Amino acid sequence: MSVLIQGSQLREINLGRGVESKASGALDASTTPSLFTITGGEVFITAMWAVVTTAITVANTVTIQANPTTGDSAAIVSGDLGTTDTAAGTVLGTDDNAAFARNGKPAQAVVSTGTVELDSNGTSVDGALTVYCTWVPLTDGATLVAA
């Protein structure tokens, strides 16, 4: 008798647990909404990508950043998404310089207790993103959940 492994089981074995952020909604220049919350230590984000849910048409820089409870914030991926319109449905990964890339490879990062945030760098953003990630704990008991 053969045993079949389901797609969800293969993803978890290869990439870790999956989680989806809530849609960002339009970003006000003064807000930095949390996408994910990390508790209990360090986790390895094995893959992070975004899907544009509402077109981004105004020139601006958007950054997905780690904001640990202790330590410095650091960009995971960043880039201008509106100078050349980014249509709804576009999948955003990263390039070799940690800049957003259409259909780019997923970003990876080690993040610590705190949050992963979406920063519009002081500019209002007219579109919206949903961010997805897979992760594994590096510290026993560490977790990552949607904020």
N, C-alpha and C. Protein backbone atom coordinates (compact mmCIF):
# COMPACT_ATOMS: atom_id res chain seq x y z
N MET A 1 0.85 -1.17 0.00
CA MET A 1 0.00 0.00 0.00
C MET A 1 0.89 1.24 0.00
N SER A 2 0.63 2.16 -0.89
CA SER A 2 1.44 3.37 -0.97
C SER A 2 0.82 4.49 -0.13
N VAL A 3 1.68 5.35 0.33
CA VAL A 3 1.25 6.51 1.11
C VAL A 3 1.56 7.74 0.27
N LEU A 4 0.56 8.57 0.05
CA LEU A 4 0.75 9.79 -0.73
C LEU A 4 0.92 10.97 0.21
N ILE A 5 1.85 11.83 -0.13
CA ILE A 5 2.04 13.06 0.64
C ILE A 5 1.27 14.16 -0.07
N GLN A 6 0.46 14.88 0.68
CA GLN A 6 -0.34 15.97 0.14
C GLN A 6 0.52 17.19 -0.14
N GLY A 7 0.06 18.06 -1.04
CA GLY A 7 0.79 19.28 -1.38
C GLY A 7 1.10 20.14 -0.17
N SER A 8 0.15 20.29 0.73
CA SER A 8 0.37 21.11 1.93
C SER A 8 1.47 20.50 2.80
N GLN A 9 1.54 19.17 2.84
CA GLN A 9 2.58 18.51 3.63
C GLN A 9 3.96 18.71 2.99
N LEU A 10 4.04 18.63 1.67
CA LEU A 10 5.31 18.88 0.98
C LEU A 10 5.80 20.30 1.22
N ARG A 11 4.86 21.28 1.13
CA ARG A 11 5.25 22.67 1.38
C ARG A 11 5.79 22.84 2.79
N GLU A 12 5.12 22.24 3.77
CA GLU A 12 5.58 22.41 5.15
C GLU A 12 6.92 21.73 5.37
N ILE A 13 7.15 20.58 4.77
CA ILE A 13 8.43 19.90 4.91
C ILE A 13 9.55 20.74 4.28
N ASN A 14 9.30 21.31 3.12
CA ASN A 14 10.33 22.04 2.38
C ASN A 14 10.50 23.49 2.81
N LEU A 15 9.40 24.17 3.14
CA LEU A 15 9.46 25.61 3.40
C LEU A 15 9.07 26.01 4.81
N GLY A 16 8.40 25.14 5.54
CA GLY A 16 7.94 25.49 6.87
C GLY A 16 6.46 25.83 6.87
N ARG A 17 6.02 26.39 7.97
CA ARG A 17 4.60 26.74 8.13
C ARG A 17 4.28 27.98 7.31
N GLY A 18 3.05 28.06 6.78
CA GLY A 18 2.65 29.20 5.98
C GLY A 18 1.70 30.11 6.72
N VAL A 19 1.77 31.41 6.40
CA VAL A 19 0.87 32.40 6.98
C VAL A 19 0.66 33.53 5.99
N GLU A 20 -0.51 34.13 6.05
CA GLU A 20 -0.89 35.22 5.15
C GLU A 20 -1.25 36.43 5.99
N SER A 21 -0.76 37.63 5.60
CA SER A 21 -1.13 38.85 6.30
C SER A 21 -2.52 39.28 5.85
N LYS A 22 -3.13 40.16 6.61
CA LYS A 22 -4.36 40.78 6.12
C LYS A 22 -3.94 41.78 5.04
N ALA A 23 -4.87 42.12 4.14
CA ALA A 23 -4.56 43.09 3.09
C ALA A 23 -4.17 44.41 3.76
N SER A 24 -3.15 45.07 3.23
CA SER A 24 -2.63 46.28 3.86
C SER A 24 -3.61 47.44 3.81
N GLY A 25 -4.45 47.51 2.78
CA GLY A 25 -5.26 48.70 2.57
C GLY A 25 -4.35 49.84 2.14
N ALA A 26 -4.93 50.94 1.73
CA ALA A 26 -4.13 52.10 1.34
C ALA A 26 -3.31 52.54 2.55
N LEU A 27 -2.05 52.88 2.32
CA LEU A 27 -1.17 53.26 3.43
C LEU A 27 -1.06 54.77 3.54
N ASP A 28 -1.33 55.25 4.72
CA ASP A 28 -1.16 56.66 5.03
C ASP A 28 0.32 56.90 5.29
N ALA A 29 0.79 58.08 4.94
CA ALA A 29 2.21 58.40 5.10
C ALA A 29 2.70 58.25 6.54
N SER A 30 1.80 58.37 7.51
CA SER A 30 2.21 58.36 8.92
C SER A 30 2.02 57.00 9.59
N THR A 31 1.58 55.96 8.87
CA THR A 31 1.34 54.66 9.49
C THR A 31 2.35 53.62 9.01
N THR A 32 2.62 52.68 9.88
CA THR A 32 3.48 51.55 9.55
C THR A 32 2.78 50.30 10.10
N PRO A 33 1.83 49.74 9.34
CA PRO A 33 1.06 48.61 9.87
C PRO A 33 1.90 47.35 10.01
N SER A 34 1.59 46.59 11.06
CA SER A 34 2.25 45.30 11.27
C SER A 34 1.61 44.25 10.38
N LEU A 35 2.43 43.42 9.75
CA LEU A 35 1.96 42.31 8.92
C LEU A 35 1.98 41.01 9.72
N PHE A 36 3.09 40.80 10.45
CA PHE A 36 3.29 39.56 11.21
C PHE A 36 3.86 39.90 12.58
N THR A 37 3.57 39.04 13.56
CA THR A 37 4.10 39.17 14.91
C THR A 37 4.93 37.93 15.22
N ILE A 38 6.14 38.16 15.73
CA ILE A 38 7.04 37.07 16.09
C ILE A 38 7.17 37.07 17.61
N THR A 39 7.01 35.90 18.22
CA THR A 39 7.18 35.76 19.66
C THR A 39 8.12 34.60 19.95
N GLY A 40 8.78 34.66 21.10
CA GLY A 40 9.55 33.52 21.59
C GLY A 40 10.95 33.36 21.04
N GLY A 41 11.44 34.31 20.26
CA GLY A 41 12.81 34.19 19.75
C GLY A 41 12.90 34.39 18.25
N GLU A 42 13.87 33.73 17.64
CA GLU A 42 14.12 33.93 16.21
C GLU A 42 13.39 32.90 15.36
N VAL A 43 12.94 33.36 14.18
CA VAL A 43 12.39 32.47 13.17
C VAL A 43 13.09 32.79 11.84
N PHE A 44 13.15 31.79 10.99
CA PHE A 44 13.70 31.95 9.65
C PHE A 44 12.54 32.03 8.68
N ILE A 45 12.39 33.18 8.04
CA ILE A 45 11.40 33.32 6.96
C ILE A 45 12.03 32.68 5.73
N THR A 46 11.50 31.51 5.35
CA THR A 46 12.08 30.76 4.25
C THR A 46 11.63 31.29 2.89
N ALA A 47 10.46 31.93 2.85
CA ALA A 47 9.95 32.53 1.62
C ALA A 47 8.94 33.60 1.97
N MET A 48 9.10 34.80 1.40
CA MET A 48 8.13 35.88 1.59
C MET A 48 7.89 36.54 0.24
N TRP A 49 6.64 36.74 -0.09
CA TRP A 49 6.27 37.40 -1.34
C TRP A 49 4.98 38.17 -1.10
N ALA A 50 4.67 39.09 -2.00
CA ALA A 50 3.47 39.91 -1.87
C ALA A 50 2.65 39.81 -3.15
N VAL A 51 1.35 39.97 -3.01
CA VAL A 51 0.45 40.07 -4.16
C VAL A 51 -0.24 41.41 -4.05
N VAL A 52 -0.20 42.19 -5.13
CA VAL A 52 -0.86 43.49 -5.16
C VAL A 52 -2.36 43.23 -5.27
N THR A 53 -3.13 43.72 -4.30
CA THR A 53 -4.58 43.50 -4.29
C THR A 53 -5.34 44.70 -4.85
N THR A 54 -4.74 45.88 -4.79
CA THR A 54 -5.27 47.10 -5.40
C THR A 54 -4.11 47.77 -6.10
N ALA A 55 -4.28 48.16 -7.38
CA ALA A 55 -3.18 48.72 -8.17
C ALA A 55 -2.48 49.87 -7.45
N ILE A 56 -1.16 49.93 -7.60
CA ILE A 56 -0.35 51.00 -7.03
C ILE A 56 0.10 51.87 -8.19
N THR A 57 -0.34 53.14 -8.19
CA THR A 57 -0.10 54.01 -9.35
C THR A 57 0.61 55.31 -9.00
N VAL A 58 0.86 55.57 -7.72
CA VAL A 58 1.55 56.78 -7.30
C VAL A 58 2.98 56.42 -6.93
N ALA A 59 3.95 57.17 -7.45
CA ALA A 59 5.36 56.88 -7.18
C ALA A 59 5.63 56.92 -5.68
N ASN A 60 6.20 55.85 -5.17
CA ASN A 60 6.54 55.78 -3.75
C ASN A 60 7.44 54.59 -3.51
N THR A 61 8.15 54.62 -2.40
CA THR A 61 8.97 53.49 -1.98
C THR A 61 8.23 52.79 -0.86
N VAL A 62 8.12 51.48 -0.98
CA VAL A 62 7.47 50.65 0.03
C VAL A 62 8.53 49.68 0.54
N THR A 63 8.56 49.49 1.86
CA THR A 63 9.53 48.61 2.48
C THR A 63 8.83 47.61 3.39
N ILE A 64 9.16 46.34 3.27
CA ILE A 64 8.77 45.35 4.26
C ILE A 64 9.98 45.22 5.16
N GLN A 65 9.78 45.49 6.46
CA GLN A 65 10.92 45.53 7.38
C GLN A 65 10.66 44.73 8.64
N ALA A 66 11.75 44.21 9.20
CA ALA A 66 11.70 43.56 10.50
C ALA A 66 11.89 44.64 11.56
N ASN A 67 11.03 44.65 12.57
CA ASN A 67 11.13 45.61 13.67
C ASN A 67 11.17 44.83 14.98
N PRO A 68 12.38 44.42 15.42
CA PRO A 68 12.48 43.61 16.62
C PRO A 68 12.19 44.42 17.88
N THR A 69 11.74 43.73 18.92
CA THR A 69 11.51 44.38 20.21
C THR A 69 12.80 44.97 20.74
N THR A 70 13.91 44.24 20.56
CA THR A 70 15.24 44.71 20.96
C THR A 70 16.12 44.68 19.73
N GLY A 71 16.76 45.81 19.45
CA GLY A 71 17.65 45.87 18.28
C GLY A 71 17.12 46.84 17.24
N ASP A 72 17.79 46.90 16.11
CA ASP A 72 17.46 47.84 15.05
C ASP A 72 16.51 47.25 14.03
N SER A 73 15.64 48.10 13.47
CA SER A 73 14.80 47.68 12.35
C SER A 73 15.68 47.49 11.12
N ALA A 74 15.27 46.56 10.25
CA ALA A 74 16.06 46.30 9.05
C ALA A 74 15.12 45.93 7.91
N ALA A 75 15.40 46.48 6.73
CA ALA A 75 14.60 46.17 5.54
C ALA A 75 14.80 44.73 5.12
N ILE A 76 13.69 44.07 4.76
CA ILE A 76 13.76 42.73 4.17
C ILE A 76 13.70 42.87 2.65
N VAL A 77 12.80 43.71 2.18
CA VAL A 77 12.69 44.00 0.75
C VAL A 77 12.12 45.42 0.62
N SER A 78 12.56 46.16 -0.41
CA SER A 78 12.15 47.55 -0.55
C SER A 78 12.19 47.92 -2.03
N GLY A 79 11.37 48.89 -2.40
CA GLY A 79 11.43 49.37 -3.78
C GLY A 79 10.30 50.29 -4.14
N ASP A 80 10.46 50.98 -5.27
CA ASP A 80 9.46 51.89 -5.80
C ASP A 80 8.43 51.07 -6.57
N LEU A 81 7.18 51.13 -6.13
CA LEU A 81 6.14 50.31 -6.77
C LEU A 81 5.18 51.12 -7.63
N GLY A 82 5.26 52.45 -7.62
CA GLY A 82 4.25 53.22 -8.33
C GLY A 82 4.71 54.03 -9.52
N THR A 83 6.02 54.27 -9.67
CA THR A 83 6.48 55.06 -10.81
C THR A 83 6.05 54.38 -12.10
N THR A 84 6.28 53.08 -12.19
CA THR A 84 5.69 52.27 -13.24
C THR A 84 4.56 51.53 -12.56
N ASP A 85 3.31 51.81 -12.96
CA ASP A 85 2.15 51.24 -12.26
C ASP A 85 2.33 49.75 -12.00
N THR A 86 1.93 49.34 -10.80
CA THR A 86 1.94 47.93 -10.42
C THR A 86 0.49 47.47 -10.33
N ALA A 87 0.08 46.66 -11.28
CA ALA A 87 -1.33 46.27 -11.42
C ALA A 87 -1.76 45.28 -10.34
N ALA A 88 -3.05 45.30 -10.04
CA ALA A 88 -3.62 44.31 -9.13
C ALA A 88 -3.35 42.92 -9.70
N GLY A 89 -3.00 41.99 -8.83
CA GLY A 89 -2.68 40.63 -9.24
C GLY A 89 -1.20 40.38 -9.47
N THR A 90 -0.38 41.45 -9.49
CA THR A 90 1.05 41.29 -9.68
C THR A 90 1.67 40.62 -8.47
N VAL A 91 2.51 39.61 -8.72
CA VAL A 91 3.24 38.93 -7.65
C VAL A 91 4.60 39.60 -7.52
N LEU A 92 4.94 39.99 -6.29
CA LEU A 92 6.20 40.67 -6.03
C LEU A 92 7.11 39.80 -5.18
N GLY A 93 8.29 39.57 -5.69
CA GLY A 93 9.34 38.90 -4.93
C GLY A 93 10.46 39.89 -4.77
N THR A 94 11.69 39.39 -4.82
CA THR A 94 12.85 40.25 -4.66
C THR A 94 13.91 39.90 -5.70
N ASP A 95 14.78 40.86 -5.96
CA ASP A 95 15.92 40.58 -6.83
C ASP A 95 17.16 40.39 -5.97
N ASP A 96 18.33 40.31 -6.57
CA ASP A 96 19.56 40.06 -5.81
C ASP A 96 19.98 41.23 -4.93
N ASN A 97 19.36 42.40 -5.11
CA ASN A 97 19.69 43.59 -4.31
C ASN A 97 18.63 43.88 -3.26
N ALA A 98 17.78 42.91 -2.94
CA ALA A 98 16.69 43.06 -1.95
C ALA A 98 15.71 44.15 -2.35
N ALA A 99 15.52 44.33 -3.67
CA ALA A 99 14.52 45.26 -4.17
C ALA A 99 13.34 44.45 -4.69
N PHE A 100 12.13 45.03 -4.62
CA PHE A 100 10.97 44.35 -5.17
C PHE A 100 11.20 44.03 -6.64
N ALA A 101 10.76 42.86 -7.05
CA ALA A 101 10.85 42.46 -8.45
C ALA A 101 9.57 41.74 -8.82
N ARG A 102 8.98 42.11 -9.95
CA ARG A 102 7.79 41.41 -10.43
C ARG A 102 8.18 39.96 -10.72
N ASN A 103 7.43 39.03 -10.14
CA ASN A 103 7.71 37.60 -10.29
C ASN A 103 9.15 37.26 -9.89
N GLY A 104 9.71 38.00 -8.92
CA GLY A 104 11.06 37.71 -8.43
C GLY A 104 11.05 36.53 -7.49
N LYS A 105 12.23 36.18 -7.02
CA LYS A 105 12.34 35.06 -6.08
C LYS A 105 11.81 35.51 -4.71
N PRO A 106 11.33 34.59 -3.90
CA PRO A 106 10.87 34.96 -2.56
C PRO A 106 12.01 35.51 -1.71
N ALA A 107 11.70 36.47 -0.86
CA ALA A 107 12.68 37.01 0.08
C ALA A 107 12.88 36.03 1.23
N GLN A 108 14.05 36.08 1.84
CA GLN A 108 14.34 35.28 3.03
C GLN A 108 14.96 36.19 4.08
N ALA A 109 14.72 35.86 5.36
CA ALA A 109 15.29 36.66 6.44
C ALA A 109 15.18 35.90 7.75
N VAL A 110 16.09 36.21 8.67
CA VAL A 110 15.97 35.77 10.04
C VAL A 110 15.43 36.96 10.81
N VAL A 111 14.33 36.76 11.53
CA VAL A 111 13.70 37.84 12.30
C VAL A 111 13.56 37.38 13.74
N SER A 112 13.54 38.37 14.64
CA SER A 112 13.49 38.10 16.06
C SER A 112 12.17 38.60 16.64
N THR A 113 11.93 38.28 17.90
CA THR A 113 10.73 38.72 18.59
C THR A 113 10.44 40.17 18.26
N GLY A 114 9.24 40.45 17.79
CA GLY A 114 8.83 41.79 17.37
C GLY A 114 7.80 41.68 16.27
N THR A 115 7.95 42.51 15.24
CA THR A 115 6.99 42.52 14.15
C THR A 115 7.70 42.62 12.80
N VAL A 116 6.97 42.24 11.76
CA VAL A 116 7.34 42.54 10.38
C VAL A 116 6.31 43.54 9.91
N GLU A 117 6.77 44.68 9.39
CA GLU A 117 5.89 45.81 9.08
C GLU A 117 5.97 46.20 7.61
N LEU A 118 4.97 46.98 7.20
CA LEU A 118 4.93 47.55 5.86
C LEU A 118 5.09 49.06 6.02
N ASP A 119 6.18 49.60 5.53
CA ASP A 119 6.50 51.02 5.70
C ASP A 119 6.43 51.72 4.36
N SER A 120 5.64 52.79 4.30
CA SER A 120 5.53 53.56 3.05
C SER A 120 6.52 54.71 3.00
N ASN A 121 7.47 54.73 3.94
CA ASN A 121 8.57 55.71 3.93
C ASN A 121 8.10 57.15 3.80
N GLY A 122 7.04 57.49 4.54
CA GLY A 122 6.57 58.87 4.59
C GLY A 122 5.75 59.31 3.40
N THR A 123 5.32 58.39 2.56
CA THR A 123 4.52 58.72 1.38
C THR A 123 3.23 57.91 1.43
N SER A 124 2.11 58.52 1.08
CA SER A 124 0.86 57.77 1.02
C SER A 124 0.88 56.86 -0.20
N VAL A 125 0.39 55.63 -0.02
CA VAL A 125 0.35 54.64 -1.08
C VAL A 125 -1.10 54.42 -1.47
N ASP A 126 -1.39 54.49 -2.76
CA ASP A 126 -2.78 54.38 -3.20
C ASP A 126 -3.24 52.95 -3.44
N GLY A 127 -2.37 51.98 -3.35
CA GLY A 127 -2.75 50.59 -3.59
C GLY A 127 -2.69 49.77 -2.31
N ALA A 128 -2.74 48.46 -2.46
CA ALA A 128 -2.71 47.58 -1.29
C ALA A 128 -2.00 46.28 -1.65
N LEU A 129 -1.42 45.64 -0.63
CA LEU A 129 -0.70 44.38 -0.78
C LEU A 129 -1.21 43.37 0.24
N THR A 130 -1.14 42.11 -0.11
CA THR A 130 -1.25 41.03 0.86
C THR A 130 0.09 40.32 0.81
N VAL A 131 0.68 40.09 1.97
CA VAL A 131 2.01 39.50 2.06
C VAL A 131 1.87 38.09 2.61
N TYR A 132 2.60 37.16 2.01
CA TYR A 132 2.57 35.75 2.39
C TYR A 132 3.98 35.35 2.83
N CYS A 133 4.07 34.43 3.77
CA CYS A 133 5.39 33.91 4.10
C CYS A 133 5.29 32.50 4.65
N THR A 134 6.40 31.80 4.52
CA THR A 134 6.57 30.50 5.16
C THR A 134 7.76 30.65 6.09
N TRP A 135 7.76 29.88 7.17
CA TRP A 135 8.78 30.09 8.19
C TRP A 135 9.01 28.82 9.00
N VAL A 136 10.17 28.78 9.65
CA VAL A 136 10.48 27.72 10.60
C VAL A 136 11.08 28.38 11.84
N PRO A 137 10.82 27.81 13.04
CA PRO A 137 11.41 28.38 14.25
C PRO A 137 12.89 28.05 14.32
N LEU A 138 13.69 29.03 14.70
CA LEU A 138 15.11 28.80 14.98
C LEU A 138 15.33 28.64 16.48
N THR A 139 14.45 29.27 17.27
CA THR A 139 14.45 29.13 18.71
C THR A 139 13.28 28.24 19.08
N ASP A 140 13.50 27.22 19.89
CA ASP A 140 12.39 26.34 20.31
C ASP A 140 11.27 27.20 20.89
N GLY A 141 10.05 27.00 20.40
CA GLY A 141 8.89 27.72 20.89
C GLY A 141 8.61 29.03 20.17
N ALA A 142 9.49 29.48 19.29
CA ALA A 142 9.25 30.73 18.57
C ALA A 142 8.13 30.53 17.56
N THR A 143 7.33 31.59 17.36
CA THR A 143 6.21 31.54 16.41
C THR A 143 6.13 32.81 15.59
N LEU A 144 5.50 32.71 14.44
CA LEU A 144 5.19 33.84 13.58
C LEU A 144 3.73 33.71 13.19
N VAL A 145 2.93 34.77 13.43
CA VAL A 145 1.51 34.75 13.10
C VAL A 145 1.15 36.05 12.41
N ALA A 146 0.03 36.06 11.70
CA ALA A 146 -0.48 37.29 11.10
C ALA A 146 -0.83 38.27 12.21
N ALA A 147 -0.49 39.54 12.00
CA ALA A 147 -0.76 40.58 13.01
C ALA A 147 -2.23 40.97 13.00
